């Protein structure tokens, strides 16, 4: 079993920055990719960004491209989401997810961390 623990959420003013972290732990697991998703009040969960573990290839939702940066520390099994120039529409609960193999969808999820951006 794999546990994902997010941290770094909070309240920020529009135009500010936040950095989210997600640490993965457990027994004998592999990582193909890790990603960040978010769910705003009254909306469905949406993809934000993902990074492949071996090569660090990244992909972003159009809504965050140029403002958010996903990165990883392989030695710590940790993924980060640097959020710059945040907007009120970035307000959501942010979840990290782990995809253990290329053949599977994201199979482990964190508990979420809340981000609130005030205007």
Protein backbone atom coordinates (compact mmCIF):
# COMPACT_ATOMS: atom_id res chain seq x y z
CA UNK A 1 0.00 0.00 0.00
CA UNK A 2 1.15 3.51 -0.79
CA UNK A 3 0.40 6.61 1.25
CA UNK A 4 0.44 10.10 -0.21
CA UNK A 5 0.56 13.08 2.12
CA UNK A 6 0.07 16.58 0.75
CA UNK A 7 1.06 19.81 2.44
CA UNK A 8 1.45 23.48 1.63
CA UNK A 9 -2.09 24.62 1.03
CA UNK A 10 -3.53 27.73 2.58
CA UNK A 11 -4.86 31.19 1.92
CA UNK A 12 -3.13 33.48 -0.56
CA UNK A 13 -3.99 36.72 -2.27
CA UNK A 14 -4.39 36.89 -6.02
CA UNK A 15 -1.01 37.29 -7.67
CA UNK A 16 0.80 35.51 -4.88
CA UNK A 17 2.52 32.14 -4.75
CA UNK A 18 2.08 28.82 -3.01
CA UNK A 19 4.08 25.62 -3.09
CA UNK A 20 2.41 22.27 -2.57
CA UNK A 21 4.28 19.11 -1.65
CA UNK A 22 3.27 15.48 -1.77
CA UNK A 23 5.37 12.72 -0.25
CA UNK A 24 4.82 9.10 -1.17
CA UNK A 25 5.65 6.29 1.23
CA UNK A 26 4.97 2.61 1.57
CA UNK A 27 6.45 -0.79 0.93
CA UNK A 28 8.09 -1.63 -2.34
CA UNK A 29 6.33 0.56 -4.85
CA UNK A 30 7.27 1.94 -8.21
CA UNK A 31 6.36 5.26 -9.74
CA UNK A 32 5.65 5.84 -13.41
CA UNK A 33 4.23 9.30 -12.90
CA UNK A 34 2.72 11.60 -10.30
CA UNK A 35 0.16 14.24 -10.88
CA UNK A 36 -1.85 17.00 -9.31
CA UNK A 37 -5.60 17.35 -9.62
CA UNK A 38 -8.02 19.84 -8.09
CA UNK A 39 -11.68 20.06 -7.24
CA UNK A 40 -13.36 23.41 -6.80
CA UNK A 41 -16.64 23.74 -4.87
CA UNK A 42 -19.52 22.45 -6.94
CA UNK A 43 -17.28 21.26 -9.76
CA UNK A 44 -15.80 17.99 -10.87
CA UNK A 45 -12.22 17.09 -10.21
CA UNK A 46 -9.89 18.26 -12.96
CA UNK A 47 -6.34 17.53 -14.04
CA UNK A 48 -3.71 20.17 -13.24
CA UNK A 49 -0.27 18.76 -14.04
CA UNK A 50 1.75 15.57 -14.15
CA UNK A 51 5.38 14.52 -14.30
CA UNK A 52 6.91 11.23 -15.34
CA UNK A 53 9.31 9.85 -12.80
CA UNK A 54 12.19 8.55 -14.89
CA UNK A 55 12.56 11.38 -17.39
CA UNK A 56 10.75 14.25 -15.72
CA UNK A 57 8.48 14.92 -18.66
CA UNK A 58 5.76 17.37 -17.69
CA UNK A 59 2.30 18.20 -18.94
CA UNK A 60 -0.08 20.93 -17.80
CA UNK A 61 -3.68 21.91 -18.09
CA UNK A 62 -4.09 25.01 -20.25
CA UNK A 63 -5.56 26.89 -17.31
CA UNK A 64 -2.31 26.72 -15.33
CA UNK A 65 0.30 26.63 -18.09
CA UNK A 66 2.92 29.32 -17.56
CA UNK A 67 1.91 29.86 -13.92
CA UNK A 68 2.33 26.46 -12.26
CA UNK A 69 5.40 24.23 -12.29
CA UNK A 70 5.47 20.58 -11.30
CA UNK A 71 8.74 19.03 -10.18
CA UNK A 72 9.96 15.98 -8.31
CA UNK A 73 12.65 14.83 -5.92
CA UNK A 74 13.13 11.18 -6.74
CA UNK A 75 15.30 10.52 -3.69
CA UNK A 76 12.48 11.70 -1.43
CA UNK A 77 9.62 10.27 -3.50
CA UNK A 78 8.14 13.75 -3.40
CA UNK A 79 6.37 15.82 -6.01
CA UNK A 80 5.90 19.57 -5.83
CA UNK A 81 3.57 22.07 -7.40
CA UNK A 82 4.85 25.63 -7.48
CA UNK A 83 1.89 27.92 -8.01
CA UNK A 84 2.72 31.46 -9.11
CA UNK A 85 0.43 34.35 -9.99
CA UNK A 86 -2.48 32.52 -8.42
CA UNK A 87 -6.01 33.56 -9.29
CA UNK A 88 -9.32 33.25 -7.41
CA UNK A 89 -10.32 30.54 -9.88
CA UNK A 90 -7.42 28.42 -8.58
CA UNK A 91 -9.35 28.00 -5.32
CA UNK A 92 -9.89 24.27 -4.82
CA UNK A 93 -8.85 21.22 -2.90
CA UNK A 94 -5.67 19.95 -4.53
CA UNK A 95 -4.96 16.24 -4.65
CA UNK A 96 -1.79 14.48 -5.63
CA UNK A 97 -1.95 11.11 -7.29
CA UNK A 98 0.50 8.37 -8.12
CA UNK A 99 0.51 6.18 -11.18
CA UNK A 100 2.61 3.12 -10.42
CA UNK A 101 2.88 1.71 -13.94
CA UNK A 102 2.31 2.88 -17.48
CA UNK A 103 -0.45 0.31 -17.84
CA UNK A 104 -2.62 1.71 -15.06
CA UNK A 105 -4.46 4.92 -14.37
CA UNK A 106 -3.61 6.84 -11.20
CA UNK A 107 -3.98 4.20 -8.51
CA UNK A 108 -3.15 6.07 -5.30
CA UNK A 109 -4.50 9.40 -4.10
CA UNK A 110 -3.73 11.77 -1.28
CA UNK A 111 -6.25 13.24 1.12
CA UNK A 112 -6.10 16.70 -0.42
CA UNK A 113 -4.93 20.12 0.67
CA UNK A 114 -7.10 23.21 0.41
CA UNK A 115 -5.99 26.28 -1.51
CA UNK A 116 -7.96 29.48 -1.24
CA UNK A 117 -7.11 32.53 -3.33
CA UNK A 118 -8.68 35.82 -2.39
CA UNK A 119 -9.23 38.65 -4.84
